[in-house]
Amino acid sequence: MVICKQVQERIETLRTEAHNQCRNVSRTISETICSWLPWPLDDLCDLVTRVITEVVCAIVYVVVTVVSWVWRTVCEVIAIIDWIVTLVVGALEWLGNRILTFPEWLLCLAGVRLARKNYRICPMVIADERGNPFVPLATIQNQINAAVEIFNNCNVNVIASQIIVVTGKPDLAVGPGCDAGGFFTTHRGDYEHLSCCQGLLDSLKCLRFPSGLIWPRHVLKAIWLSDVPGKAGCYLFPDSFVQIDNNGSVNILAHEMGHACDLLHRDDDLSNLMHPSATNANVTNFQCCTVRTGKFVTLF
């Protein structure tokens, strides 16, 4: 999608340049040729020049506009296909993981936790036009530390990579939202394609092997934004990222990580991590077992 945007911007630049060039050609002909002709040939030359250049400019404008429209349509179709593929793959991954980890989940509910597990996250924060992160790195680290402490109660290690400051993309500072509109927007693809690791060899470090699956998938991206519309944080199934608002509580990261592992809200228990306020940190055995068998939690 980055290529689509770059090409679209280039097309718009070419349209402006072509329009300006047409005007320059008309002015050059008028000044270098027509002005030297005697009256009334000079006026006739100016008229013919204007008519021809206007026709040529109009044709160029129409052609470039059609190309722009075709390219934009192609990009939108590609974005929709990418959204559908991501949705289907994510749903199948979730279903496969839950089926294969069901015996482990039952054993966990019975009090048998087979091993200590790892919950790897890739923290990222969007920066403004000047390269300054919208959320202070110290705030992000405090939320990571809170998540480490909370999920330690589930015998799960939270392992966070180095915080990445995403520059050159200030348009991503406002999230797609956590409602139906946010779910169906192709804007989510921009966050899905943010990379924690660059290059083939480096990207291998970002792969995880879920407890119930045999193929590697990327770790959970935690993305801090200037605004998550109407929310302190958001996770939309089956994304591979969570959105964190710049005004979220210290437990909001752990709360959204819980959603990413299929935990629902607990409106009846203010002390629970999954209460919508996310002000406290208690987790039940059922919640721990659900997290331990979630698709982002691994044995290695």
C-alpha atoms as a PDB file:
ATOM      1  CA  MET A   1       0.000   0.000   0.000  1.00  0.00           C
ATOM      2  CA  VAL A   2       2.986   2.300   0.459  1.00  0.00           C
ATOM      3  CA  ILE A   3       3.768   1.877  -3.244  1.00  0.00           C
ATOM      4  CA  CYS A   4       0.166   2.733  -4.133  1.00  0.00           C
ATOM      5  CA  LYS A   5       0.368   5.989  -2.182  1.00  0.00           C
ATOM      6  CA  GLN A   6       3.730   6.910  -3.659  1.00  0.00           C
ATOM      7  CA  VAL A   7       2.560   6.303  -7.236  1.00  0.00           C
ATOM      8  CA  GLN A   8      -0.679   8.212  -6.607  1.00  0.00           C
ATOM      9  CA  GLU A   9       1.282  11.175  -5.249  1.00  0.00           C
ATOM     10  CA  ARG A  10       3.585  11.038  -8.280  1.00  0.00           C
ATOM     11  CA  ILE A  11       0.614  11.044 -10.659  1.00  0.00           C
ATOM     12  CA  GLU A  12      -0.827  14.117  -8.942  1.00  0.00           C
ATOM     13  CA  THR A  13       2.566  15.820  -9.199  1.00  0.00           C
ATOM     14  CA  LEU A  14       2.764  14.997 -12.914  1.00  0.00           C
ATOM     15  CA  ARG A  15      -0.712  16.425 -13.473  1.00  0.00           C
ATOM     16  CA  THR A  16       0.300  19.717 -11.874  1.00  0.00           C
ATOM     17  CA  GLU A  17       3.599  19.797 -13.762  1.00  0.00           C
ATOM     18  CA  ALA A  18       1.871  19.075 -17.093  1.00  0.00           C
ATOM     19  CA  HIS A  19      -0.626  21.878 -16.495  1.00  0.00           C
ATOM     20  CA  ASN A  20       2.149  24.341 -15.706  1.00  0.00           C
ATOM     21  CA  GLN A  21       4.222  23.173 -18.673  1.00  0.00           C
ATOM     22  CA  CYS A  22       1.323  23.756 -21.062  1.00  0.00           C
ATOM     23  CA  ARG A  23       1.009  27.321 -19.842  1.00  0.00           C
ATOM     24  CA  ASN A  24       4.762  27.853 -20.203  1.00  0.00           C
ATOM     25  CA  VAL A  25       4.745  26.550 -23.788  1.00  0.00           C
ATOM     26  CA  SER A  26       1.896  28.876 -24.720  1.00  0.00           C
ATOM     27  CA  ARG A  27       3.637  31.871 -23.178  1.00  0.00           C
ATOM     28  CA  THR A  28       6.975  30.976 -24.833  1.00  0.00           C
ATOM     29  CA  ILE A  29       5.450  30.697 -28.313  1.00  0.00           C
ATOM     30  CA  SER A  30       3.600  33.967 -27.855  1.00  0.00           C
ATOM     31  CA  GLU A  31       6.711  35.816 -26.694  1.00  0.00           C
ATOM     32  CA  THR A  32       9.223  34.344 -29.149  1.00  0.00           C
ATOM     33  CA  ILE A  33       7.161  34.021 -32.327  1.00  0.00           C
ATOM     34  CA  CYS A  34       3.837  35.802 -32.238  1.00  0.00           C
ATOM     35  CA  SER A  35       5.187  39.044 -30.836  1.00  0.00           C
ATOM     36  CA  TRP A  36       7.486  39.412 -33.850  1.00  0.00           C
ATOM     37  CA  LEU A  37       4.673  39.195 -36.370  1.00  0.00           C
ATOM     38  CA  PRO A  38       2.962  42.308 -37.695  1.00  0.00           C
ATOM     39  CA  TRP A  39      -0.598  43.127 -36.804  1.00  0.00           C
ATOM     40  CA  PRO A  40      -3.041  41.389 -37.232  1.00  0.00           C
ATOM     41  CA  LEU A  41      -0.940  38.239 -37.628  1.00  0.00           C
ATOM     42  CA  ASP A  42       0.377  38.567 -34.079  1.00  0.00           C
ATOM     43  CA  ASP A  43      -3.130  38.500 -32.619  1.00  0.00           C
ATOM     44  CA  LEU A  44      -4.103  35.599 -34.862  1.00  0.00           C
ATOM     45  CA  CYS A  45      -0.947  33.721 -33.798  1.00  0.00           C
ATOM     46  CA  ASP A  46      -1.770  34.305 -30.131  1.00  0.00           C
ATOM     47  CA  LEU A  47      -5.322  33.046 -30.653  1.00  0.00           C
ATOM     48  CA  VAL A  48      -4.224  29.896 -32.496  1.00  0.00           C
ATOM     49  CA  THR A  49      -1.534  29.217 -29.892  1.00  0.00           C
ATOM     50  CA  ARG A  50      -3.992  29.556 -27.014  1.00  0.00           C
ATOM     51  CA  VAL A  51      -6.548  27.302 -28.687  1.00  0.00           C
ATOM     52  CA  ILE A  52      -4.002  24.595 -29.488  1.00  0.00           C
ATOM     53  CA  THR A  53      -2.371  24.681 -26.044  1.00  0.00           C
ATOM     54  CA  GLU A  54      -5.761  24.675 -24.297  1.00  0.00           C
ATOM     55  CA  VAL A  55      -6.819  21.624 -26.303  1.00  0.00           C
ATOM     56  CA  VAL A  56      -3.525  19.834 -25.627  1.00  0.00           C
ATOM     57  CA  CYS A  57      -3.653  20.758 -21.925  1.00  0.00           C
ATOM     58  CA  ALA A  58      -7.210  19.513 -21.661  1.00  0.00           C
ATOM     59  CA  ILE A  59      -6.300  16.203 -23.323  1.00  0.00           C
ATOM     60  CA  VAL A  60      -3.289  15.747 -21.026  1.00  0.00           C
ATOM     61  CA  TYR A  61      -5.373  16.611 -17.978  1.00  0.00           C
ATOM     62  CA  VAL A  62      -8.072  14.111 -18.938  1.00  0.00           C
ATOM     63  CA  VAL A  63      -5.533  11.357 -19.647  1.00  0.00           C
ATOM     64  CA  VAL A  64      -3.710  11.879 -16.362  1.00  0.00           C
ATOM     65  CA  THR A  65      -7.022  12.054 -14.477  1.00  0.00           C
ATOM     66  CA  VAL A  66      -8.151   8.761 -15.986  1.00  0.00           C
ATOM     67  CA  VAL A  67      -4.811   7.143 -15.128  1.00  0.00           C
ATOM     68  CA  SER A  68      -5.112   8.482 -11.583  1.00  0.00           C
ATOM     69  CA  TRP A  69      -8.640   7.123 -11.240  1.00  0.00           C
ATOM     70  CA  VAL A  70      -7.641   3.704 -12.613  1.00  0.00           C
ATOM     71  CA  TRP A  71      -4.625   3.478 -10.321  1.00  0.00           C
ATOM     72  CA  ARG A  72      -6.658   4.557  -7.277  1.00  0.00           C
ATOM     73  CA  THR A  73      -9.299   1.946  -8.108  1.00  0.00           C
ATOM     74  CA  VAL A  74      -6.645  -0.775  -8.490  1.00  0.00           C
ATOM     75  CA  CYS A  75      -5.115   0.202  -5.143  1.00  0.00           C
ATOM     76  CA  GLU A  76      -8.497   0.116  -3.430  1.00  0.00           C
ATOM     77  CA  VAL A  77      -9.200  -3.350  -4.848  1.00  0.00           C
ATOM     78  CA  ILE A  78      -5.767  -4.533  -3.690  1.00  0.00           C
ATOM     79  CA  ALA A  79      -6.421  -3.063  -0.229  1.00  0.00           C
ATOM     80  CA  ILE A  80      -9.780  -4.856  -0.007  1.00  0.00           C
ATOM     81  CA  ILE A  81      -8.231  -8.166  -1.098  1.00  0.00           C
ATOM     82  CA  ASP A  82      -5.411  -7.687   1.416  1.00  0.00           C
ATOM     83  CA  TRP A  83      -7.966  -6.952   4.149  1.00  0.00           C
ATOM     84  CA  ILE A  84      -9.987 -10.083   3.315  1.00  0.00           C
ATOM     85  CA  VAL A  85      -6.895 -12.311   3.168  1.00  0.00           C
ATOM     86  CA  THR A  86      -5.609 -10.943   6.487  1.00  0.00           C
ATOM     87  CA  LEU A  87      -9.016 -11.479   8.080  1.00  0.00           C
ATOM     88  CA  VAL A  88      -9.385 -15.053   6.799  1.00  0.00           C
ATOM     89  CA  VAL A  89      -5.826 -16.075   7.695  1.00  0.00           C
ATOM     90  CA  GLY A  90      -6.156 -14.539  11.153  1.00  0.00           C
ATOM     91  CA  ALA A  91      -9.486 -16.258  11.805  1.00  0.00           C
ATOM     92  CA  LEU A  92      -8.143 -19.637  10.658  1.00  0.00           C
ATOM     93  CA  GLU A  93      -5.062 -19.207  12.812  1.00  0.00           C
ATOM     94  CA  TRP A  94      -7.222 -18.403  15.840  1.00  0.00           C
ATOM     95  CA  LEU A  95      -9.535 -21.367  15.220  1.00  0.00           C
ATOM     96  CA  GLY A  96      -6.672 -23.791  14.663  1.00  0.00           C
ATOM     97  CA  ASN A  97      -4.881 -22.599  17.767  1.00  0.00           C
ATOM     98  CA  ARG A  98      -7.969 -22.915  19.963  1.00  0.00           C
ATOM     99  CA  ILE A  99      -8.725 -26.429  18.713  1.00  0.00           C
ATOM    100  CA  LEU A 100      -5.173 -27.659  19.183  1.00  0.00           C
ATOM    101  CA  THR A 101      -4.704 -26.067  22.601  1.00  0.00           C
ATOM    102  CA  PHE A 102      -8.085 -27.147  23.990  1.00  0.00           C
ATOM    103  CA  PRO A 103      -6.625 -30.110  25.954  1.00  0.00           C
ATOM    104  CA  GLU A 104      -3.977 -27.840  27.464  1.00  0.00           C
ATOM    105  CA  TRP A 105      -6.673 -25.313  28.376  1.00  0.00           C
ATOM    106  CA  LEU A 106      -8.679 -28.002  30.207  1.00  0.00           C
ATOM    107  CA  LEU A 107      -5.595 -29.173  32.096  1.00  0.00           C
ATOM    108  CA  CYS A 108      -4.832 -25.593  33.069  1.00  0.00           C
ATOM    109  CA  LEU A 109      -8.345 -25.128  34.446  1.00  0.00           C
ATOM    110  CA  ALA A 110      -7.747 -28.261  36.520  1.00  0.00           C
ATOM    111  CA  GLY A 111      -4.624 -26.647  37.974  1.00  0.00           C
ATOM    112  CA  VAL A 112      -1.990 -28.239  35.732  1.00  0.00           C
ATOM    113  CA  ARG A 113       0.205 -25.616  34.039  1.00  0.00           C
ATOM    114  CA  LEU A 114       2.632 -27.500  31.825  1.00  0.00           C
ATOM    115  CA  ALA A 115       5.410 -24.914  31.561  1.00  0.00           C
ATOM    116  CA  ARG A 116       6.219 -21.248  31.829  1.00  0.00           C
ATOM    117  CA  LYS A 117       5.300 -19.486  28.589  1.00  0.00           C
ATOM    118  CA  ASN A 118       6.323 -16.369  26.702  1.00  0.00           C
ATOM    119  CA  TYR A 119       4.183 -13.487  25.450  1.00  0.00           C
ATOM    120  CA  ARG A 120       6.337 -11.499  23.017  1.00  0.00           C
ATOM    121  CA  ILE A 121       5.345  -8.004  21.974  1.00  0.00           C
ATOM    122  CA  CYS A 122       6.851  -5.410  19.668  1.00  0.00           C
ATOM    123  CA  PRO A 123       6.249  -1.918  21.130  1.00  0.00           C
ATOM    124  CA  MET A 124       5.951   0.880  18.564  1.00  0.00           C
ATOM    125  CA  VAL A 125       5.006   4.536  18.900  1.00  0.00           C
ATOM    126  CA  ILE A 126       3.962   6.893  16.111  1.00  0.00           C
ATOM    127  CA  ALA A 127       5.935  10.138  15.850  1.00  0.00           C
ATOM    128  CA  ASP A 128       4.828  13.583  14.695  1.00  0.00           C
ATOM    129  CA  GLU A 129       6.187  15.496  11.700  1.00  0.00           C
ATOM    130  CA  ARG A 130       9.312  16.458  13.659  1.00  0.00           C
ATOM    131  CA  GLY A 131      10.032  12.882  14.709  1.00  0.00           C
ATOM    132  CA  ASN A 132       8.873  13.283  18.318  1.00  0.00           C
ATOM    133  CA  PRO A 133       6.835  10.341  19.678  1.00  0.00           C
ATOM    134  CA  PHE A 134       3.255  11.197  20.592  1.00  0.00           C
ATOM    135  CA  VAL A 135       3.656   9.155  23.792  1.00  0.00           C
ATOM    136  CA  PRO A 136       6.759   9.499  26.009  1.00  0.00           C
ATOM    137  CA  LEU A 137       8.992   6.422  25.987  1.00  0.00           C
ATOM    138  CA  ALA A 138       8.997   6.414  29.799  1.00  0.00           C
ATOM    139  CA  THR A 139       5.194   6.080  29.810  1.00  0.00           C
ATOM    140  CA  ILE A 140       5.402   3.168  27.381  1.00  0.00           C
ATOM    141  CA  GLN A 141       8.037   1.436  29.490  1.00  0.00           C
ATOM    142  CA  ASN A 142       5.902   1.825  32.630  1.00  0.00           C
ATOM    143  CA  GLN A 143       2.986   0.140  30.867  1.00  0.00           C
ATOM    144  CA  ILE A 144       5.265  -2.676  29.677  1.00  0.00           C
ATOM    145  CA  ASN A 145       6.546  -3.167  33.228  1.00  0.00           C
ATOM    146  CA  ALA A 146       2.956  -3.341  34.495  1.00  0.00           C
ATOM    147  CA  ALA A 147       2.121  -6.013  31.896  1.00  0.00           C
ATOM    148  CA  VAL A 148       5.198  -8.030  32.917  1.00  0.00           C
ATOM    149  CA  GLU A 149       4.057  -7.998  36.543  1.00  0.00           C
ATOM    150  CA  ILE A 150       0.425  -8.831  35.759  1.00  0.00           C
ATOM    151  CA  PHE A 151       1.035 -11.794  33.452  1.00  0.00           C
ATOM    152  CA  ASN A 152       3.719 -13.154  35.759  1.00  0.00           C
ATOM    153  CA  ASN A 153       0.747 -14.244  37.890  1.00  0.00           C
ATOM    154  CA  CYS A 154      -0.226 -16.526  34.995  1.00  0.00           C
ATOM    155  CA  ASN A 155       3.273 -18.006  34.784  1.00  0.00           C
ATOM    156  CA  VAL A 156       3.792 -16.085  31.542  1.00  0.00           C
ATOM    157  CA  ASN A 157       6.836 -14.000  30.639  1.00  0.00           C
ATOM    158  CA  VAL A 158       6.097 -10.770  28.791  1.00  0.00           C
ATOM    159  CA  ILE A 159       9.085 -10.178  26.513  1.00  0.00           C
ATOM    160  CA  ALA A 160       9.175  -6.781  24.814  1.00  0.00           C
ATOM    161  CA  SER A 161      11.642  -5.881  22.089  1.00  0.00           C
ATOM    162  CA  GLN A 162      13.198  -2.422  21.878  1.00  0.00           C
ATOM    163  CA  ILE A 163      10.656   0.376  21.517  1.00  0.00           C
ATOM    164  CA  ILE A 164      10.454   1.494  17.870  1.00  0.00           C
ATOM    165  CA  VAL A 165       9.667   5.135  17.048  1.00  0.00           C
ATOM    166  CA  VAL A 166       7.796   5.154  13.722  1.00  0.00           C
ATOM    167  CA  THR A 167       8.760   8.304  11.824  1.00  0.00           C
ATOM    168  CA  GLY A 168       7.455   9.653   8.540  1.00  0.00           C
ATOM    169  CA  LYS A 169       3.926   8.380   9.166  1.00  0.00           C
ATOM    170  CA  PRO A 170       2.160  11.045  11.289  1.00  0.00           C
ATOM    171  CA  ASP A 171      -1.082  10.213   9.461  1.00  0.00           C
ATOM    172  CA  LEU A 172      -1.196   6.987  11.506  1.00  0.00           C
ATOM    173  CA  ALA A 173      -1.354   8.911  14.790  1.00  0.00           C
ATOM    174  CA  VAL A 174      -5.151   8.580  14.929  1.00  0.00           C
ATOM    175  CA  GLY A 175      -6.282   4.963  14.978  1.00  0.00           C
ATOM    176  CA  PRO A 176      -9.061   3.417  12.872  1.00  0.00           C
ATOM    177  CA  GLY A 177     -11.274   3.090  15.955  1.00  0.00           C
ATOM    178  CA  CYS A 178     -12.712   0.127  17.786  1.00  0.00           C
ATOM    179  CA  ASP A 179     -16.240   0.102  16.361  1.00  0.00           C
ATOM    180  CA  ALA A 180     -17.733  -1.421  13.216  1.00  0.00           C
ATOM    181  CA  GLY A 181     -16.330   1.415  11.131  1.00  0.00           C
ATOM    182  CA  GLY A 182     -12.843   0.687  12.410  1.00  0.00           C
ATOM    183  CA  PHE A 183     -13.254  -3.016  11.734  1.00  0.00           C
ATOM    184  CA  PHE A 184     -14.221  -2.602   8.094  1.00  0.00           C
ATOM    185  CA  THR A 185     -11.772   0.146   7.204  1.00  0.00           C
ATOM    186  CA  THR A 186      -8.782  -0.806   5.067  1.00  0.00           C
ATOM    187  CA  HIS A 187      -6.806   1.700   7.169  1.00  0.00           C
ATOM    188  CA  ARG A 188      -6.064  -1.212   9.494  1.00  0.00           C
ATOM    189  CA  GLY A 189      -3.748  -2.608   6.845  1.00  0.00           C
ATOM    190  CA  ASP A 190      -1.348   0.311   7.394  1.00  0.00           C
ATOM    191  CA  TYR A 191      -0.820  -0.893  10.977  1.00  0.00           C
ATOM    192  CA  GLU A 192      -0.659  -4.562  10.008  1.00  0.00           C
ATOM    193  CA  HIS A 193       2.198  -3.818   7.634  1.00  0.00           C
ATOM    194  CA  LEU A 194       4.303  -1.877  10.125  1.00  0.00           C
ATOM    195  CA  SER A 195       7.426  -3.982  10.543  1.00  0.00           C
ATOM    196  CA  CYS A 196       9.307  -4.628  13.762  1.00  0.00           C
ATOM    197  CA  CYS A 197      12.222  -6.178  11.893  1.00  0.00           C
ATOM    198  CA  GLN A 198      13.795  -5.131   8.614  1.00  0.00           C
ATOM    199  CA  GLY A 199      15.283  -7.595   6.133  1.00  0.00           C
ATOM    200  CA  LEU A 200      14.965 -11.358   5.860  1.00  0.00           C
ATOM    201  CA  LEU A 201      17.472 -12.376   8.525  1.00  0.00           C
ATOM    202  CA  ASP A 202      16.351  -9.724  11.003  1.00  0.00           C
ATOM    203  CA  SER A 203      12.678 -10.614  10.442  1.00  0.00           C
ATOM    204  CA  LEU A 204      13.336 -14.137  11.698  1.00  0.00           C
ATOM    205  CA  LYS A 205      13.778 -12.632  15.158  1.00  0.00           C
ATOM    206  CA  CYS A 206      10.180 -11.420  15.051  1.00  0.00           C
ATOM    207  CA  LEU A 207       8.663 -14.823  14.370  1.00  0.00           C
ATOM    208  CA  ARG A 208       6.923 -16.820  17.077  1.00  0.00           C
ATOM    209  CA  PHE A 209       5.801 -20.441  17.264  1.00  0.00           C
ATOM    210  CA  PRO A 210       2.381 -20.534  18.963  1.00  0.00           C
ATOM    211  CA  SER A 211       1.771 -23.319  21.417  1.00  0.00           C
ATOM    212  CA  GLY A 212      -0.769 -25.052  19.215  1.00  0.00           C
ATOM    213  CA  LEU A 213       0.450 -24.205  15.713  1.00  0.00           C
ATOM    214  CA  ILE A 214       3.293 -25.516  13.598  1.00  0.00           C
ATOM    215  CA  TRP A 215       3.912 -22.482  11.378  1.00  0.00           C
ATOM    216  CA  PRO A 216       5.584 -19.245  12.540  1.00  0.00           C
ATOM    217  CA  ARG A 217       3.692 -15.973  12.777  1.00  0.00           C
ATOM    218  CA  HIS A 218       4.752 -12.510  13.831  1.00  0.00           C
ATOM    219  CA  VAL A 219       4.617 -11.298  17.419  1.00  0.00           C
ATOM    220  CA  LEU A 220       1.918  -8.952  18.699  1.00  0.00           C
ATOM    221  CA  LYS A 221       2.574  -5.315  17.817  1.00  0.00           C
ATOM    222  CA  ALA A 222       1.632  -2.795  20.529  1.00  0.00           C
ATOM    223  CA  ILE A 223       1.203   0.593  18.844  1.00  0.00           C
ATOM    224  CA  TRP A 224       0.922   3.815  20.845  1.00  0.00           C
ATOM    225  CA  LEU A 225      -1.052   6.587  19.120  1.00  0.00           C
ATOM    226  CA  SER A 226      -2.029  10.160  19.824  1.00  0.00           C
ATOM    227  CA  ASP A 227      -5.683   9.120  19.758  1.00  0.00           C
ATOM    228  CA  VAL A 228      -7.705   5.911  19.726  1.00  0.00           C
ATOM    229  CA  PRO A 229     -11.154   7.365  18.928  1.00  0.00           C
ATOM    230  CA  GLY A 230     -13.444   6.997  21.942  1.00  0.00           C
ATOM    231  CA  LYS A 231     -11.204   4.468  23.698  1.00  0.00           C
ATOM    232  CA  ALA A 232      -8.103   4.214  25.888  1.00  0.00           C
ATOM    233  CA  GLY A 233      -7.025   1.194  23.842  1.00  0.00           C
ATOM    234  CA  CYS A 234      -8.327  -1.202  21.233  1.00  0.00           C
ATOM    235  CA  TYR A 235      -7.919  -4.701  19.864  1.00  0.00           C
ATOM    236  CA  LEU A 236      -9.973  -5.879  16.903  1.00  0.00           C
ATOM    237  CA  PHE A 237     -10.097  -9.583  16.068  1.00  0.00           C
ATOM    238  CA  PRO A 238      -8.104 -10.992  14.319  1.00  0.00           C
ATOM    239  CA  ASP A 239      -5.501  -8.212  14.115  1.00  0.00           C
ATOM    240  CA  SER A 240      -1.853  -8.750  14.980  1.00  0.00           C
ATOM    241  CA  PHE A 241      -1.656  -5.384  16.755  1.00  0.00           C
ATOM    242  CA  VAL A 242      -3.243  -3.477  19.621  1.00  0.00           C
ATOM    243  CA  GLN A 243      -3.819   0.280  19.694  1.00  0.00           C
ATOM    244  CA  ILE A 244      -2.916   2.238  22.823  1.00  0.00           C
ATOM    245  CA  ASP A 245      -4.129   5.810  23.411  1.00  0.00           C
ATOM    246  CA  ASN A 246      -1.697   8.390  24.785  1.00  0.00           C
ATOM    247  CA  ASN A 247      -3.974   8.881  27.821  1.00  0.00           C
ATOM    248  CA  GLY A 248      -4.346   5.184  28.687  1.00  0.00           C
ATOM    249  CA  SER A 249      -3.854   3.967  32.263  1.00  0.00           C
ATOM    250  CA  VAL A 250      -0.725   2.100  33.311  1.00  0.00           C
ATOM    251  CA  ASN A 251      -2.596  -1.215  32.906  1.00  0.00           C
ATOM    252  CA  ILE A 252      -4.073  -0.481  29.466  1.00  0.00           C
ATOM    253  CA  LEU A 253      -1.374  -2.411  27.601  1.00  0.00           C
ATOM    254  CA  ALA A 254      -1.975  -5.548  29.678  1.00  0.00           C
ATOM    255  CA  HIS A 255      -5.736  -5.045  29.223  1.00  0.00           C
ATOM    256  CA  GLU A 256      -5.437  -4.976  25.424  1.00  0.00           C
ATOM    257  CA  MET A 257      -2.991  -7.884  25.467  1.00  0.00           C
ATOM    258  CA  GLY A 258      -5.720  -9.768  27.302  1.00  0.00           C
ATOM    259  CA  HIS A 259      -8.201  -8.953  24.535  1.00  0.00           C
ATOM    260  CA  ALA A 260      -5.676 -10.188  21.957  1.00  0.00           C
ATOM    261  CA  CYS A 261      -5.743 -13.540  23.781  1.00  0.00           C
ATOM    262  CA  ASP A 262      -9.562 -13.701  23.757  1.00  0.00           C
ATOM    263  CA  LEU A 263     -10.343 -12.219  27.178  1.00  0.00           C
ATOM    264  CA  LEU A 264     -13.651 -10.357  27.310  1.00  0.00           C
ATOM    265  CA  HIS A 265     -14.634  -7.416  29.486  1.00  0.00           C
ATOM    266  CA  ARG A 266     -15.592  -8.050  33.119  1.00  0.00           C
ATOM    267  CA  ASP A 267     -18.077  -5.275  33.846  1.00  0.00           C
ATOM    268  CA  ASP A 268     -19.037  -6.846  37.193  1.00  0.00           C
ATOM    269  CA  ASP A 269     -15.587  -6.750  38.813  1.00  0.00           C
ATOM    270  CA  LEU A 270     -13.812  -3.402  39.153  1.00  0.00           C
ATOM    271  CA  SER A 271     -10.716  -5.104  40.555  1.00  0.00           C
ATOM    272  CA  ASN A 272     -10.262  -7.249  37.467  1.00  0.00           C
ATOM    273  CA  LEU A 273      -7.798  -6.359  34.720  1.00  0.00           C
ATOM    274  CA  MET A 274     -10.523  -6.764  32.102  1.00  0.00           C
ATOM    275  CA  HIS A 275     -12.899  -4.235  33.646  1.00  0.00           C
ATOM    276  CA  PRO A 276     -13.431  -1.509  31.001  1.00  0.00           C
ATOM    277  CA  SER A 277     -11.663   1.043  33.216  1.00  0.00           C
ATOM    278  CA  ALA A 278      -8.461  -1.066  33.253  1.00  0.00           C
ATOM    279  CA  THR A 279      -7.505   0.524  36.579  1.00  0.00           C
ATOM    280  CA  ASN A 280      -6.726  -2.708  38.455  1.00  0.00           C
ATOM    281  CA  ALA A 281      -4.755  -5.837  37.719  1.00  0.00           C
ATOM    282  CA  ASN A 282      -6.406  -8.955  39.167  1.00  0.00           C
ATOM    283  CA  VAL A 283      -6.761 -11.953  36.848  1.00  0.00           C
ATOM    284  CA  THR A 284      -8.667 -15.177  37.478  1.00  0.00           C
ATOM    285  CA  ASN A 285      -7.458 -18.718  36.847  1.00  0.00           C
ATOM    286  CA  PHE A 286      -9.871 -18.967  33.900  1.00  0.00           C
ATOM    287  CA  GLN A 287      -8.383 -15.792  32.392  1.00  0.00           C
ATOM    288  CA  CYS A 288      -4.834 -17.036  32.935  1.00  0.00           C
ATOM    289  CA  CYS A 289      -5.586 -20.326  31.218  1.00  0.00           C
ATOM    290  CA  THR A 290      -7.193 -18.516  28.304  1.00  0.00           C
ATOM    291  CA  VAL A 291      -4.172 -16.247  27.921  1.00  0.00           C
ATOM    292  CA  ARG A 292      -1.701 -19.122  28.220  1.00  0.00           C
ATOM    293  CA  THR A 293      -3.363 -20.865  25.264  1.00  0.00           C
ATOM    294  CA  GLY A 294      -3.837 -17.679  23.208  1.00  0.00           C
ATOM    295  CA  LYS A 295      -2.345 -17.439  19.737  1.00  0.00           C
ATOM    296  CA  PHE A 296       0.266 -14.859  20.777  1.00  0.00           C
ATOM    297  CA  VAL A 297       1.641 -16.902  23.687  1.00  0.00           C
ATOM    298  CA  THR A 298       4.421 -19.365  22.959  1.00  0.00           C
ATOM    299  CA  LEU A 299       6.423 -22.147  24.529  1.00  0.00           C
ATOM    300  CA  PHE A 300       9.726 -20.793  23.246  1.00  0.00           C
END
